[in-house]
């Protein structure tokens, strides 16, 4: 059974953070910080790296729809931002918010030019 300190040493050597490490981030000194030596969550961190970062599963079940979507967007006569059927659900609230905010800003700017306060 490998001890946690041995796992820690192997991981940091693999990452290149120890002197003579093989990874892309090499350190000149061979000292590991105190936190890395005594942190109780190192086992969790090492297992997370080992099983989730290094062996990340590839998602091969999703279909590749690039050609289908390219044909869809290139065959329409609408502008690109209006081409998708759901685009109106995004653009109408955006246009309303933009119009209201710019309108209110200009309204109160005009009132300020004439010396009227917001509560008057």
PDB file of N, CA and C in Angstrom:
ATOM      1  N   UNK A   1       0.845  -1.188   0.000  1.00  0.00           N
ATOM      2  CA  UNK A   1       0.000   0.000   0.000  1.00  0.00           C
ATOM      3  C   UNK A   1       0.885   1.245   0.000  1.00  0.00           C
ATOM      4  N   UNK A   2       0.526   2.191  -0.842  1.00  0.00           N
ATOM      5  CA  UNK A   2       1.306   3.414  -0.954  1.00  0.00           C
ATOM      6  C   UNK A   2       0.823   4.411   0.081  1.00  0.00           C
ATOM      7  N   UNK A   3       1.742   5.009   0.791  1.00  0.00           N
ATOM      8  CA  UNK A   3       1.381   5.999   1.793  1.00  0.00           C
ATOM      9  C   UNK A   3       1.036   7.319   1.104  1.00  0.00           C
ATOM     10  N   UNK A   4       0.280   8.148   1.811  1.00  0.00           N
ATOM     11  CA  UNK A   4      -0.150   9.410   1.214  1.00  0.00           C
ATOM     12  C   UNK A   4       1.040  10.315   0.925  1.00  0.00           C
ATOM     13  N   UNK A   5       2.075  10.260   1.748  1.00  0.00           N
ATOM     14  CA  UNK A   5       3.244  11.101   1.479  1.00  0.00           C
ATOM     15  C   UNK A   5       3.950  10.655   0.206  1.00  0.00           C
ATOM     16  N   UNK A   6       3.961   9.338  -0.050  1.00  0.00           N
ATOM     17  CA  UNK A   6       4.564   8.857  -1.290  1.00  0.00           C
ATOM     18  C   UNK A   6       3.736   9.285  -2.496  1.00  0.00           C
ATOM     19  N   UNK A   7       2.410   9.214  -2.352  1.00  0.00           N
ATOM     20  CA  UNK A   7       1.546   9.668  -3.447  1.00  0.00           C
ATOM     21  C   UNK A   7       1.758  11.147  -3.728  1.00  0.00           C
ATOM     22  N   UNK A   8       1.876  11.921  -2.644  1.00  0.00           N
ATOM     23  CA  UNK A   8       2.090  13.352  -2.788  1.00  0.00           C
ATOM     24  C   UNK A   8       3.391  13.619  -3.544  1.00  0.00           C
ATOM     25  N   UNK A   9       4.444  12.919  -3.139  1.00  0.00           N
ATOM     26  CA  UNK A   9       5.742  13.117  -3.790  1.00  0.00           C
ATOM     27  C   UNK A   9       5.676  12.736  -5.258  1.00  0.00           C
ATOM     28  N   UNK A  10       5.000  11.622  -5.551  1.00  0.00           N
ATOM     29  CA  UNK A  10       4.883  11.206  -6.948  1.00  0.00           C
ATOM     30  C   UNK A  10       4.101  12.223  -7.767  1.00  0.00           C
ATOM     31  N   UNK A  11       2.997  12.734  -7.165  1.00  0.00           N
ATOM     32  CA  UNK A  11       2.200  13.701  -7.920  1.00  0.00           C
ATOM     33  C   UNK A  11       2.983  14.972  -8.211  1.00  0.00           C
ATOM     34  N   UNK A  12       3.635  15.535  -7.192  1.00  0.00           N
ATOM     35  CA  UNK A  12       4.345  16.791  -7.414  1.00  0.00           C
ATOM     36  C   UNK A  12       5.539  16.588  -8.324  1.00  0.00           C
ATOM     37  N   UNK A  13       6.155  15.389  -8.284  1.00  0.00           N
ATOM     38  CA  UNK A  13       7.233  15.098  -9.227  1.00  0.00           C
ATOM     39  C   UNK A  13       6.671  15.000 -10.637  1.00  0.00           C
ATOM     40  N   UNK A  14       5.491  14.383 -10.775  1.00  0.00           N
ATOM     41  CA  UNK A  14       4.858  14.293 -12.088  1.00  0.00           C
ATOM     42  C   UNK A  14       4.504  15.681 -12.619  1.00  0.00           C
ATOM     43  N   UNK A  15       3.990  16.539 -11.748  1.00  0.00           N
ATOM     44  CA  UNK A  15       3.598  17.879 -12.182  1.00  0.00           C
ATOM     45  C   UNK A  15       4.801  18.758 -12.489  1.00  0.00           C
ATOM     46  N   UNK A  16       5.988  18.314 -12.090  1.00  0.00           N
ATOM     47  CA  UNK A  16       7.178  19.090 -12.391  1.00  0.00           C
ATOM     48  C   UNK A  16       7.468  20.152 -11.373  1.00  0.00           C
ATOM     49  N   UNK A  17       6.840  20.079 -10.213  1.00  0.00           N
ATOM     50  CA  UNK A  17       7.041  21.104  -9.207  1.00  0.00           C
ATOM     51  C   UNK A  17       8.201  20.786  -8.277  1.00  0.00           C
ATOM     52  N   UNK A  18       8.766  19.602  -8.398  1.00  0.00           N
ATOM     53  CA  UNK A  18       9.953  19.265  -7.640  1.00  0.00           C
ATOM     54  C   UNK A  18      11.172  19.363  -8.552  1.00  0.00           C
ATOM     55  N   UNK A  19      12.317  19.408  -7.949  1.00  0.00           N
ATOM     56  CA  UNK A  19      13.543  19.470  -8.738  1.00  0.00           C
ATOM     57  C   UNK A  19      13.676  18.181  -9.548  1.00  0.00           C
ATOM     58  N   UNK A  20      13.903  18.330 -10.828  1.00  0.00           N
ATOM     59  CA  UNK A  20      14.040  17.175 -11.694  1.00  0.00           C
ATOM     60  C   UNK A  20      12.708  16.593 -12.128  1.00  0.00           C
ATOM     61  N   UNK A  21      11.615  17.316 -11.927  1.00  0.00           N
ATOM     62  CA  UNK A  21      10.315  16.822 -12.345  1.00  0.00           C
ATOM     63  C   UNK A  21      10.208  16.768 -13.862  1.00  0.00           C
ATOM     64  N   UNK A  22       9.267  15.957 -14.351  1.00  0.00           N
ATOM     65  CA  UNK A  22       9.120  15.775 -15.786  1.00  0.00           C
ATOM     66  C   UNK A  22       8.104  16.729 -16.407  1.00  0.00           C
ATOM     67  N   UNK A  23       7.300  17.396 -15.593  1.00  0.00           N
ATOM     68  CA  UNK A  23       6.226  18.224 -16.104  1.00  0.00           C
ATOM     69  C   UNK A  23       6.709  19.536 -16.681  1.00  0.00           C
ATOM     70  N   UNK A  24       5.787  20.306 -17.247  1.00  0.00           N
ATOM     71  CA  UNK A  24       6.163  21.562 -17.890  1.00  0.00           C
ATOM     72  C   UNK A  24       6.539  22.669 -16.913  1.00  0.00           C
ATOM     73  N   UNK A  25       6.114  22.583 -15.649  1.00  0.00           N
ATOM     74  CA  UNK A  25       6.380  23.641 -14.685  1.00  0.00           C
ATOM     75  C   UNK A  25       7.459  23.164 -13.714  1.00  0.00           C
ATOM     76  N   UNK A  26       8.683  23.419 -14.021  1.00  0.00           N
ATOM     77  CA  UNK A  26       9.780  22.956 -13.175  1.00  0.00           C
ATOM     78  C   UNK A  26      10.118  23.994 -12.126  1.00  0.00           C
ATOM     79  N   UNK A  27      10.555  23.514 -10.966  1.00  0.00           N
ATOM     80  CA  UNK A  27      11.012  24.392  -9.902  1.00  0.00           C
ATOM     81  C   UNK A  27      12.481  24.157  -9.663  1.00  0.00           C
ATOM     82  N   UNK A  28      13.180  25.215  -9.367  1.00  0.00           N
ATOM     83  CA  UNK A  28      14.615  25.083  -9.149  1.00  0.00           C
ATOM     84  C   UNK A  28      14.907  24.393  -7.821  1.00  0.00           C
ATOM     85  N   UNK A  29      14.115  24.669  -6.791  1.00  0.00           N
ATOM     86  CA  UNK A  29      14.394  24.069  -5.492  1.00  0.00           C
ATOM     87  C   UNK A  29      13.564  22.800  -5.322  1.00  0.00           C
ATOM     88  N   UNK A  30      14.011  21.941  -4.436  1.00  0.00           N
ATOM     89  CA  UNK A  30      13.316  20.673  -4.236  1.00  0.00           C
ATOM     90  C   UNK A  30      12.463  20.684  -2.979  1.00  0.00           C
ATOM     91  N   UNK A  31      12.204  21.839  -2.408  1.00  0.00           N
ATOM     92  CA  UNK A  31      11.415  21.936  -1.179  1.00  0.00           C
ATOM     93  C   UNK A  31       9.929  21.971  -1.530  1.00  0.00           C
ATOM     94  N   UNK A  32       9.147  21.255  -0.759  1.00  0.00           N
ATOM     95  CA  UNK A  32       7.698  21.339  -0.861  1.00  0.00           C
ATOM     96  C   UNK A  32       7.247  22.230   0.289  1.00  0.00           C
ATOM     97  N   UNK A  33       6.286  23.087   0.038  1.00  0.00           N
ATOM     98  CA  UNK A  33       5.853  23.997   1.090  1.00  0.00           C
ATOM     99  C   UNK A  33       5.238  23.216   2.258  1.00  0.00           C
ATOM    100  N   UNK A  34       5.188  23.844   3.426  1.00  0.00           N
ATOM    101  CA  UNK A  34       4.657  23.201   4.615  1.00  0.00           C
ATOM    102  C   UNK A  34       3.201  22.785   4.411  1.00  0.00           C
ATOM    103  N   UNK A  35       2.435  23.620   3.706  1.00  0.00           N
ATOM    104  CA  UNK A  35       1.033  23.311   3.509  1.00  0.00           C
ATOM    105  C   UNK A  35       0.876  22.028   2.706  1.00  0.00           C
ATOM    106  N   UNK A  36       1.701  21.850   1.690  1.00  0.00           N
ATOM    107  CA  UNK A  36       1.606  20.637   0.892  1.00  0.00           C
ATOM    108  C   UNK A  36       2.017  19.408   1.687  1.00  0.00           C
ATOM    109  N   UNK A  37       2.880  19.575   2.674  1.00  0.00           N
ATOM    110  CA  UNK A  37       3.310  18.431   3.465  1.00  0.00           C
ATOM    111  C   UNK A  37       2.268  18.037   4.508  1.00  0.00           C
ATOM    112  N   UNK A  38       1.522  18.998   5.019  1.00  0.00           N
ATOM    113  CA  UNK A  38       0.652  18.719   6.162  1.00  0.00           C
ATOM    114  C   UNK A  38      -0.826  18.861   5.867  1.00  0.00           C
ATOM    115  N   UNK A  39      -1.212  19.226   4.675  1.00  0.00           N
ATOM    116  CA  UNK A  39      -2.621  19.475   4.380  1.00  0.00           C
ATOM    117  C   UNK A  39      -3.418  18.170   4.427  1.00  0.00           C
ATOM    118  N   UNK A  40      -4.492  18.079   5.251  1.00  0.00           N
ATOM    119  CA  UNK A  40      -5.242  16.827   5.340  1.00  0.00           C
ATOM    120  C   UNK A  40      -6.055  16.522   4.091  1.00  0.00           C
ATOM    121  N   UNK A  41      -6.288  17.524   3.253  1.00  0.00           N
ATOM    122  CA  UNK A  41      -7.108  17.284   2.070  1.00  0.00           C
ATOM    123  C   UNK A  41      -6.281  16.881   0.858  1.00  0.00           C
ATOM    124  N   UNK A  42      -4.994  16.568   1.054  1.00  0.00           N
ATOM    125  CA  UNK A  42      -4.166  16.183  -0.080  1.00  0.00           C
ATOM    126  C   UNK A  42      -4.646  14.897  -0.722  1.00  0.00           C
ATOM    127  N   UNK A  43      -5.128  13.951   0.090  1.00  0.00           N
ATOM    128  CA  UNK A  43      -5.613  12.704  -0.486  1.00  0.00           C
ATOM    129  C   UNK A  43      -6.791  12.967  -1.406  1.00  0.00           C
ATOM    130  N   UNK A  44      -7.697  13.832  -0.969  1.00  0.00           N
ATOM    131  CA  UNK A  44      -8.827  14.185  -1.824  1.00  0.00           C
ATOM    132  C   UNK A  44      -8.347  14.852  -3.102  1.00  0.00           C
ATOM    133  N   UNK A  45      -7.411  15.786  -2.967  1.00  0.00           N
ATOM    134  CA  UNK A  45      -6.908  16.499  -4.123  1.00  0.00           C
ATOM    135  C   UNK A  45      -6.225  15.556  -5.107  1.00  0.00           C
ATOM    136  N   UNK A  46      -5.401  14.658  -4.586  1.00  0.00           N
ATOM    137  CA  UNK A  46      -4.696  13.716  -5.465  1.00  0.00           C
ATOM    138  C   UNK A  46      -5.666  12.779  -6.163  1.00  0.00           C
ATOM    139  N   UNK A  47      -6.660  12.298  -5.430  1.00  0.00           N
ATOM    140  CA  UNK A  47      -7.647  11.432  -6.062  1.00  0.00           C
ATOM    141  C   UNK A  47      -8.463  12.186  -7.099  1.00  0.00           C
ATOM    142  N   UNK A  48      -8.791  13.435  -6.815  1.00  0.00           N
ATOM    143  CA  UNK A  48      -9.535  14.241  -7.781  1.00  0.00           C
ATOM    144  C   UNK A  48      -8.736  14.402  -9.062  1.00  0.00           C
ATOM    145  N   UNK A  49      -7.461  14.748  -8.917  1.00  0.00           N
ATOM    146  CA  UNK A  49      -6.608  14.912 -10.091  1.00  0.00           C
ATOM    147  C   UNK A  49      -6.468  13.593 -10.835  1.00  0.00           C
ATOM    148  N   UNK A  50      -6.267  12.530 -10.081  1.00  0.00           N
ATOM    149  CA  UNK A  50      -6.022  11.225 -10.697  1.00  0.00           C
ATOM    150  C   UNK A  50      -7.227  10.738 -11.498  1.00  0.00           C
ATOM    151  N   UNK A  51      -8.429  10.868 -10.933  1.00  0.00           N
ATOM    152  CA  UNK A  51      -9.595  10.280 -11.575  1.00  0.00           C
ATOM    153  C   UNK A  51     -10.424  11.252 -12.401  1.00  0.00           C
ATOM    154  N   UNK A  52     -10.278  12.548 -12.198  1.00  0.00           N
ATOM    155  CA  UNK A  52     -11.137  13.478 -12.906  1.00  0.00           C
ATOM    156  C   UNK A  52     -10.387  14.344 -13.908  1.00  0.00           C
ATOM    157  N   UNK A  53      -9.148  14.720 -13.621  1.00  0.00           N
ATOM    158  CA  UNK A  53      -8.418  15.546 -14.571  1.00  0.00           C
ATOM    159  C   UNK A  53      -7.599  14.712 -15.539  1.00  0.00           C
ATOM    160  N   UNK A  54      -6.899  13.717 -15.015  1.00  0.00           N
ATOM    161  CA  UNK A  54      -6.001  12.947 -15.868  1.00  0.00           C
ATOM    162  C   UNK A  54      -6.747  11.929 -16.718  1.00  0.00           C
ATOM    163  N   UNK A  55      -7.843  11.371 -16.211  1.00  0.00           N
ATOM    164  CA  UNK A  55      -8.601  10.357 -16.939  1.00  0.00           C
ATOM    165  C   UNK A  55      -9.994  10.859 -17.264  1.00  0.00           C
ATOM    166  N   UNK A  56     -10.087  12.073 -17.749  1.00  0.00           N
ATOM    167  CA  UNK A  56     -11.393  12.651 -18.039  1.00  0.00           C
ATOM    168  C   UNK A  56     -12.052  11.861 -19.176  1.00  0.00           C
ATOM    169  N   UNK A  57     -13.273  11.365 -18.976  1.00  0.00           N
ATOM    170  CA  UNK A  57     -13.908  10.582 -20.034  1.00  0.00           C
ATOM    171  C   UNK A  57     -14.293  11.466 -21.218  1.00  0.00           C
ATOM    172  N   UNK A  58     -14.131  10.936 -22.387  1.00  0.00           N
ATOM    173  CA  UNK A  58     -14.483  11.657 -23.605  1.00  0.00           C
ATOM    174  C   UNK A  58     -15.962  11.413 -23.900  1.00  0.00           C
ATOM    175  N   UNK A  59     -16.695  12.465 -24.196  1.00  0.00           N
ATOM    176  CA  UNK A  59     -18.112  12.339 -24.510  1.00  0.00           C
ATOM    177  C   UNK A  59     -18.240  12.097 -26.010  1.00  0.00           C
ATOM    178  N   UNK A  60     -18.440  10.863 -26.386  1.00  0.00           N
ATOM    179  CA  UNK A  60     -18.529  10.518 -27.802  1.00  0.00           C
ATOM    180  C   UNK A  60     -19.955  10.234 -28.231  1.00  0.00           C
ATOM    181  N   UNK A  61     -20.938  10.448 -27.346  1.00  0.00           N
ATOM    182  CA  UNK A  61     -22.317  10.124 -27.691  1.00  0.00           C
ATOM    183  C   UNK A  61     -23.053  11.279 -28.338  1.00  0.00           C
ATOM    184  N   UNK A  62     -22.517  12.493 -28.280  1.00  0.00           N
ATOM    185  CA  UNK A  62     -23.217  13.631 -28.867  1.00  0.00           C
ATOM    186  C   UNK A  62     -23.010  13.670 -30.368  1.00  0.00           C
ATOM    187  N   UNK A  63     -24.077  13.906 -31.127  1.00  0.00           N
ATOM    188  CA  UNK A  63     -23.915  13.971 -32.580  1.00  0.00           C
ATOM    189  C   UNK A  63     -23.239  15.269 -32.997  1.00  0.00           C
ATOM    190  N   UNK A  64     -22.544  15.216 -34.092  1.00  0.00           N
ATOM    191  CA  UNK A  64     -21.889  16.397 -34.634  1.00  0.00           C
ATOM    192  C   UNK A  64     -22.862  17.090 -35.575  1.00  0.00           C
ATOM    193  N   UNK A  65     -23.370  18.249 -35.160  1.00  0.00           N
ATOM    194  CA  UNK A  65     -24.393  18.948 -35.938  1.00  0.00           C
ATOM    195  C   UNK A  65     -23.849  20.175 -36.648  1.00  0.00           C
ATOM    196  N   UNK A  66     -22.556  20.265 -36.827  1.00  0.00           N
ATOM    197  CA  UNK A  66     -21.958  21.465 -37.399  1.00  0.00           C
ATOM    198  C   UNK A  66     -22.436  21.683 -38.836  1.00  0.00           C
ATOM    199  N   UNK A  67     -22.414  20.659 -39.657  1.00  0.00           N
ATOM    200  CA  UNK A  67     -22.815  20.797 -41.056  1.00  0.00           C
ATOM    201  C   UNK A  67     -24.290  21.152 -41.166  1.00  0.00           C
ATOM    202  N   UNK A  68     -25.109  20.496 -40.341  1.00  0.00           N
ATOM    203  CA  UNK A  68     -26.548  20.783 -40.348  1.00  0.00           C
ATOM    204  C   UNK A  68     -26.826  22.242 -39.974  1.00  0.00           C
ATOM    205  N   UNK A  69     -26.187  22.730 -38.927  1.00  0.00           N
ATOM    206  CA  UNK A  69     -26.403  24.118 -38.503  1.00  0.00           C
ATOM    207  C   UNK A  69     -25.803  25.098 -39.501  1.00  0.00           C
ATOM    208  N   UNK A  70     -24.697  24.730 -40.117  1.00  0.00           N
ATOM    209  CA  UNK A  70     -24.101  25.614 -41.125  1.00  0.00           C
ATOM    210  C   UNK A  70     -25.050  25.784 -42.306  1.00  0.00           C
ATOM    211  N   UNK A  71     -25.656  24.697 -42.741  1.00  0.00           N
ATOM    212  CA  UNK A  71     -26.628  24.788 -43.845  1.00  0.00           C
ATOM    213  C   UNK A  71     -27.821  25.639 -43.440  1.00  0.00           C
ATOM    214  N   UNK A  72     -28.280  25.471 -42.183  1.00  0.00           N
ATOM    215  CA  UNK A  72     -29.426  26.236 -41.699  1.00  0.00           C
ATOM    216  C   UNK A  72     -29.141  27.737 -41.723  1.00  0.00           C
ATOM    217  N   UNK A  73     -27.989  28.132 -41.173  1.00  0.00           N
ATOM    218  CA  UNK A  73     -27.684  29.558 -41.072  1.00  0.00           C
ATOM    219  C   UNK A  73     -27.323  30.168 -42.420  1.00  0.00           C
ATOM    220  N   UNK A  74     -26.765  29.390 -43.330  1.00  0.00           N
ATOM    221  CA  UNK A  74     -26.387  29.938 -44.631  1.00  0.00           C
ATOM    222  C   UNK A  74     -27.549  29.978 -45.611  1.00  0.00           C
ATOM    223  N   UNK A  75     -28.612  29.210 -45.351  1.00  0.00           N
ATOM    224  CA  UNK A  75     -29.725  29.166 -46.299  1.00  0.00           C
ATOM    225  C   UNK A  75     -30.811  30.192 -45.999  1.00  0.00           C
ATOM    226  N   UNK A  76     -30.763  30.865 -44.865  1.00  0.00           N
ATOM    227  CA  UNK A  76     -31.806  31.821 -44.515  1.00  0.00           C
ATOM    228  C   UNK A  76     -31.484  33.206 -45.071  1.00  0.00           C
ATOM    229  N   UNK A  77     -32.548  33.983 -45.301  1.00  0.00           N
ATOM    230  CA  UNK A  77     -32.379  35.354 -45.799  1.00  0.00           C
ATOM    231  C   UNK A  77     -32.386  36.380 -44.673  1.00  0.00           C
ATOM    232  N   UNK A  78     -32.664  35.943 -43.454  1.00  0.00           N
ATOM    233  CA  UNK A  78     -32.691  36.859 -42.313  1.00  0.00           C
ATOM    234  C   UNK A  78     -31.270  37.209 -41.892  1.00  0.00           C
ATOM    235  N   UNK A  79     -31.107  38.312 -41.155  1.00  0.00           N
ATOM    236  CA  UNK A  79     -29.786  38.586 -40.567  1.00  0.00           C
ATOM    237  C   UNK A  79     -29.404  37.467 -39.602  1.00  0.00           C
ATOM    238  N   UNK A  80     -28.121  37.286 -39.393  1.00  0.00           N
ATOM    239  CA  UNK A  80     -27.635  36.155 -38.600  1.00  0.00           C
ATOM    240  C   UNK A  80     -28.182  36.179 -37.180  1.00  0.00           C
ATOM    241  N   UNK A  81     -28.389  37.370 -36.613  1.00  0.00           N
ATOM    242  CA  UNK A  81     -28.883  37.444 -35.238  1.00  0.00           C
ATOM    243  C   UNK A  81     -30.372  37.160 -35.148  1.00  0.00           C
ATOM    244  N   UNK A  82     -31.095  37.128 -36.276  1.00  0.00           N
ATOM    245  CA  UNK A  82     -32.520  36.809 -36.277  1.00  0.00           C
ATOM    246  C   UNK A  82     -32.811  35.445 -36.903  1.00  0.00           C
ATOM    247  N   UNK A  83     -31.793  34.717 -37.298  1.00  0.00           N
ATOM    248  CA  UNK A  83     -31.995  33.488 -38.050  1.00  0.00           C
ATOM    249  C   UNK A  83     -32.603  32.379 -37.189  1.00  0.00           C
ATOM    250  N   UNK A  84     -32.171  32.238 -35.980  1.00  0.00           N
ATOM    251  CA  UNK A  84     -32.646  31.133 -35.140  1.00  0.00           C
ATOM    252  C   UNK A  84     -34.078  31.386 -34.694  1.00  0.00           C
ATOM    253  N   UNK A  85     -34.912  30.355 -34.605  1.00  0.00           N
ATOM    254  CA  UNK A  85     -36.311  30.547 -34.195  1.00  0.00           C
ATOM    255  C   UNK A  85     -36.462  31.131 -32.787  1.00  0.00           C
ATOM    256  N   UNK A  86     -35.518  30.900 -31.894  1.00  0.00           N
ATOM    257  CA  UNK A  86     -35.622  31.430 -30.529  1.00  0.00           C
ATOM    258  C   UNK A  86     -35.014  32.812 -30.387  1.00  0.00           C
ATOM    259  N   UNK A  87     -34.489  33.388 -31.443  1.00  0.00           N
ATOM    260  CA  UNK A  87     -33.793  34.666 -31.311  1.00  0.00           C
ATOM    261  C   UNK A  87     -34.714  35.795 -30.850  1.00  0.00           C
ATOM    262  N   UNK A  88     -35.996  35.725 -31.211  1.00  0.00           N
ATOM    263  CA  UNK A  88     -36.912  36.795 -30.776  1.00  0.00           C
ATOM    264  C   UNK A  88     -37.086  36.808 -29.260  1.00  0.00           C
ATOM    265  N   UNK A  89     -36.951  35.626 -28.619  1.00  0.00           N
ATOM    266  CA  UNK A  89     -37.073  35.577 -27.165  1.00  0.00           C
ATOM    267  C   UNK A  89     -35.888  36.231 -26.466  1.00  0.00           C
ATOM    268  N   UNK A  90     -34.779  36.359 -27.151  1.00  0.00           N
ATOM    269  CA  UNK A  90     -33.611  37.036 -26.596  1.00  0.00           C
ATOM    270  C   UNK A  90     -33.585  38.508 -26.992  1.00  0.00           C
ATOM    271  N   UNK A  91     -33.941  38.801 -28.224  1.00  0.00           N
ATOM    272  CA  UNK A  91     -33.768  40.159 -28.740  1.00  0.00           C
ATOM    273  C   UNK A  91     -34.855  41.123 -28.292  1.00  0.00           C
ATOM    274  N   UNK A  92     -36.095  40.665 -28.152  1.00  0.00           N
ATOM    275  CA  UNK A  92     -37.179  41.581 -27.757  1.00  0.00           C
ATOM    276  C   UNK A  92     -36.971  42.100 -26.333  1.00  0.00           C
ATOM    277  N   UNK A  93     -36.686  41.249 -25.326  1.00  0.00           N
ATOM    278  CA  UNK A  93     -36.412  41.808 -23.992  1.00  0.00           C
ATOM    279  C   UNK A  93     -35.155  42.688 -23.971  1.00  0.00           C
ATOM    280  N   UNK A  94     -34.150  42.318 -24.752  1.00  0.00           N
ATOM    281  CA  UNK A  94     -32.946  43.145 -24.817  1.00  0.00           C
ATOM    282  C   UNK A  94     -33.267  44.517 -25.394  1.00  0.00           C
ATOM    283  N   UNK A  95     -34.028  44.559 -26.492  1.00  0.00           N
ATOM    284  CA  UNK A  95     -34.377  45.842 -27.115  1.00  0.00           C
ATOM    285  C   UNK A  95     -35.253  46.686 -26.187  1.00  0.00           C
ATOM    286  N   UNK A  96     -36.180  46.046 -25.473  1.00  0.00           N
ATOM    287  CA  UNK A  96     -37.020  46.793 -24.529  1.00  0.00           C
ATOM    288  C   UNK A  96     -36.176  47.381 -23.396  1.00  0.00           C
ATOM    289  N   UNK A  97     -35.304  46.580 -22.829  1.00  0.00           N
ATOM    290  CA  UNK A  97     -34.447  47.076 -21.748  1.00  0.00           C
ATOM    291  C   UNK A  97     -33.532  48.187 -22.207  1.00  0.00           C
ATOM    292  N   UNK A  98     -32.951  48.038 -23.384  1.00  0.00           N
ATOM    293  CA  UNK A  98     -32.069  49.078 -23.923  1.00  0.00           C
ATOM    294  C   UNK A  98     -32.843  50.363 -24.175  1.00  0.00           C
ATOM    295  N   UNK A  99     -34.025  50.246 -24.783  1.00  0.00           N
ATOM    296  CA  UNK A  99     -34.832  51.428 -25.081  1.00  0.00           C
ATOM    297  C   UNK A  99     -35.261  52.140 -23.802  1.00  0.00           C
ATOM    298  N   UNK A 100     -35.709  51.389 -22.812  1.00  0.00           N
ATOM    299  CA  UNK A 100     -36.148  52.016 -21.560  1.00  0.00           C
ATOM    300  C   UNK A 100     -34.992  52.681 -20.816  1.00  0.00           C
ATOM    301  N   UNK A 101     -33.847  52.010 -20.766  1.00  0.00           N
ATOM    302  CA  UNK A 101     -32.732  52.596 -20.018  1.00  0.00           C
ATOM    303  C   UNK A 101     -32.172  53.834 -20.720  1.00  0.00           C
ATOM    304  N   UNK A 102     -32.032  53.790 -22.033  1.00  0.00           N
ATOM    305  CA  UNK A 102     -31.526  54.967 -22.757  1.00  0.00           C
ATOM    306  C   UNK A 102     -32.561  56.084 -22.717  1.00  0.00           C
ATOM    307  N   UNK A 103     -33.844  55.734 -22.850  1.00  0.00           N
ATOM    308  CA  UNK A 103     -34.900  56.745 -22.790  1.00  0.00           C
ATOM    309  C   UNK A 103     -34.957  57.441 -21.438  1.00  0.00           C
ATOM    310  N   UNK A 104     -34.884  56.687 -20.356  1.00  0.00           N
ATOM    311  CA  UNK A 104     -34.901  57.284 -19.022  1.00  0.00           C
ATOM    312  C   UNK A 104     -33.669  58.143 -18.794  1.00  0.00           C
ATOM    313  N   UNK A 105     -32.512  57.681 -19.257  1.00  0.00           N
ATOM    314  CA  UNK A 105     -31.291  58.476 -19.096  1.00  0.00           C
ATOM    315  C   UNK A 105     -31.399  59.803 -19.835  1.00  0.00           C
ATOM    316  N   UNK A 106     -31.896  59.755 -21.062  1.00  0.00           N
ATOM    317  CA  UNK A 106     -32.029  60.996 -21.842  1.00  0.00           C
ATOM    318  C   UNK A 106     -33.108  61.910 -21.257  1.00  0.00           C
ATOM    319  N   UNK A 107     -34.196  61.327 -20.760  1.00  0.00           N
ATOM    320  CA  UNK A 107     -35.266  62.130 -20.166  1.00  0.00           C
ATOM    321  C   UNK A 107     -34.743  62.915 -18.964  1.00  0.00           C
ATOM    322  N   UNK A 108     -34.061  62.212 -18.058  1.00  0.00           N
ATOM    323  CA  UNK A 108     -33.572  62.884 -16.856  1.00  0.00           C
ATOM    324  C   UNK A 108     -32.357  63.770 -17.150  1.00  0.00           C
ATOM    325  N   UNK A 109     -31.632  63.487 -18.223  1.00  0.00           N
ATOM    326  CA  UNK A 109     -30.567  64.405 -18.638  1.00  0.00           C
ATOM    327  C   UNK A 109     -31.169  65.724 -19.118  1.00  0.00           C
ATOM    328  N   UNK A 110     -32.261  65.638 -19.891  1.00  0.00           N
ATOM    329  CA  UNK A 110     -32.948  66.857 -20.333  1.00  0.00           C
ATOM    330  C   UNK A 110     -33.508  67.653 -19.173  1.00  0.00           C
ATOM    331  N   UNK A 111     -34.066  66.971 -18.185  1.00  0.00           N
ATOM    332  CA  UNK A 111     -34.581  67.675 -17.014  1.00  0.00           C
ATOM    333  C   UNK A 111     -33.451  68.338 -16.230  1.00  0.00           C
ATOM    334  N   UNK A 112     -32.293  67.665 -16.147  1.00  0.00           N
ATOM    335  CA  UNK A 112     -31.160  68.241 -15.427  1.00  0.00           C
ATOM    336  C   UNK A 112     -30.622  69.469 -16.152  1.00  0.00           C
ATOM    337  N   UNK A 113     -30.695  69.466 -17.501  1.00  0.00           N
ATOM    338  CA  UNK A 113     -30.233  70.636 -18.255  1.00  0.00           C
ATOM    339  C   UNK A 113     -31.082  71.871 -17.945  1.00  0.00           C
ATOM    340  N   UNK A 114     -32.374  71.645 -17.670  1.00  0.00           N
ATOM    341  CA  UNK A 114     -33.247  72.762 -17.341  1.00  0.00           C
ATOM    342  C   UNK A 114     -33.327  73.041 -15.839  1.00  0.00           C
ATOM    343  N   UNK A 115     -32.544  72.325 -15.045  1.00  0.00           N
ATOM    344  CA  UNK A 115     -32.468  72.593 -13.619  1.00  0.00           C
ATOM    345  C   UNK A 115     -33.563  71.949 -12.808  1.00  0.00           C
ATOM    346  N   UNK A 116     -34.286  70.995 -13.359  1.00  0.00           N
ATOM    347  CA  UNK A 116     -35.357  70.325 -12.613  1.00  0.00           C
ATOM    348  C   UNK A 116     -34.795  69.090 -11.921  1.00  0.00           C
ATOM    349  N   UNK A 117     -35.106  68.923 -10.646  1.00  0.00           N
ATOM    350  CA  UNK A 117     -34.656  67.749  -9.903  1.00  0.00           C
ATOM    351  C   UNK A 117     -35.564  66.561 -10.224  1.00  0.00           C
ATOM    352  N   UNK A 118     -35.127  65.366  -9.859  1.00  0.00           N
ATOM    353  CA  UNK A 118     -35.880  64.155 -10.188  1.00  0.00           C
ATOM    354  C   UNK A 118     -37.215  64.088  -9.461  1.00  0.00           C
ATOM    355  N   UNK A 119     -37.319  64.637  -8.264  1.00  0.00           N
ATOM    356  CA  UNK A 119     -38.561  64.563  -7.504  1.00  0.00           C
ATOM    357  C   UNK A 119     -39.535  65.700  -7.803  1.00  0.00           C
ATOM    358  N   UNK A 120     -39.178  66.643  -8.618  1.00  0.00           N
ATOM    359  CA  UNK A 120     -40.058  67.811  -8.861  1.00  0.00           C
ATOM    360  C   UNK A 120     -41.032  67.572  -9.986  1.00  0.00           C
TER     361      UNK A 120
END
